Protein backbone atom coordinates (compact mmCIF):
# COMPACT_ATOMS: atom_id res chain seq x y z
CA MET A 1 34.93 10.19 59.84
CA LEU A 2 32.31 8.78 57.53
CA SER A 3 31.51 10.74 54.36
CA ILE A 4 27.76 10.95 53.83
CA GLY A 5 27.97 13.11 50.71
CA TYR A 6 28.54 16.73 49.71
CA ARG A 7 31.51 17.11 52.07
CA ASN A 8 29.35 16.19 55.08
CA TYR A 9 30.66 13.71 57.64
CA VAL A 10 29.52 11.84 60.74
CA LEU A 11 31.56 9.91 63.26
CA CYS A 12 31.49 6.27 62.21
CA GLU A 13 31.36 5.20 65.87
CA ARG A 14 28.08 7.08 66.32
CA VAL A 15 26.17 5.31 63.52
CA VAL A 16 23.63 2.80 64.79
CA ALA A 17 21.70 2.15 61.56
CA VAL A 18 21.44 3.23 57.94
CA ILE A 19 17.97 2.71 56.48
CA THR A 20 15.85 3.70 53.50
CA PRO A 21 13.36 6.55 54.01
CA GLU A 22 10.31 5.11 52.23
CA SER A 23 8.37 3.38 55.00
CA ARG A 24 5.73 5.11 57.11
CA PRO A 25 7.54 4.37 60.43
CA VAL A 26 10.75 5.94 59.12
CA LYS A 27 8.85 9.00 57.90
CA SER A 28 7.33 9.31 61.38
CA LEU A 29 10.81 8.99 62.91
CA ILE A 30 12.03 11.84 60.67
CA SER A 31 9.03 13.99 61.57
CA ARG A 32 9.57 13.46 65.32
CA ALA A 33 13.29 14.24 64.97
CA ARG A 34 12.42 17.48 63.14
CA GLU A 35 9.99 18.47 65.92
CA ASN A 36 12.59 17.70 68.62
CA GLY A 37 15.46 19.52 66.90
CA LYS A 38 17.34 16.26 66.31
CA LEU A 39 17.15 16.20 62.49
CA ILE A 40 20.21 16.98 60.39
CA ASP A 41 19.52 17.35 56.67
CA ALA A 42 22.75 16.75 54.75
CA THR A 43 21.10 16.23 51.36
CA MET A 44 21.93 19.70 49.99
CA GLY A 45 18.42 19.86 48.52
CA LYS A 46 18.66 16.49 46.77
CA LYS A 47 16.33 13.54 47.28
CA THR A 48 16.79 11.72 50.58
CA LYS A 49 18.03 8.20 49.83
CA SER A 50 19.12 7.13 53.29
CA VAL A 51 18.40 7.88 56.92
CA ILE A 52 21.25 7.53 59.39
CA ILE A 53 20.34 6.92 63.02
CA THR A 54 23.01 7.84 65.58
CA ASN A 55 23.54 6.72 69.15
CA SER A 56 22.77 10.29 70.28
CA ASP A 57 19.23 9.94 68.85
CA HIS A 58 19.99 12.32 65.98
CA ILE A 59 18.60 11.50 62.56
CA VAL A 60 20.79 12.42 59.59
CA LEU A 61 19.37 12.54 56.06
CA SER A 62 21.72 11.76 53.18
CA ALA A 63 21.44 11.80 49.40
CA ASN A 64 23.67 8.71 49.23
CA THR A 65 22.14 5.25 49.16
CA PRO A 66 22.33 2.99 52.22
CA GLU A 67 24.54 0.65 50.19
CA THR A 68 27.04 3.42 49.48
CA ILE A 69 27.21 4.44 53.12
CA ALA A 70 27.53 0.82 54.29
CA HIS A 71 30.37 0.31 51.81
CA ARG A 72 32.16 3.36 53.21
CA VAL A 73 31.71 2.09 56.78
CA ARG A 74 33.25 -1.25 55.78
CA GLU A 75 36.18 0.55 54.12
CA LEU A 76 36.80 2.60 57.26
CA LYS A 77 36.65 -0.46 59.49
CA ASP A 78 38.99 -2.41 57.20
CA LYS A 79 41.41 0.53 57.12
CA SER A 80 41.24 0.75 60.91
CA LEU A 81 42.05 -2.96 61.24
CA VAL A 82 45.05 -2.61 58.93
CA ASN A 83 46.36 0.40 60.88
CA ASN A 84 45.92 -1.42 64.21
CA THR A 85 47.79 -4.45 62.87
CA LYS A 86 50.71 -2.26 61.74
CA ALA A 87 50.89 -0.61 65.18
CA GLU A 88 51.36 -3.95 66.92
């Protein structure tokens, strides 16, 4: 599970992209997700710093930066590789 801040998690395998929310196309993507019931706001009222796109077409808003989330994904993948190596 990938921590996206404030004790909120998403499945790492579901993450397709982590992007910044400033551009007009991303704001439109968020608006459409809200209209379609596919928006998950995990910011706890803080400023949105990253937008996580999942393979189920859900959009998750996080108060963590894209760099922080990417770092956590790398840590999880590295940990997974170490565990798989030990199992062999």
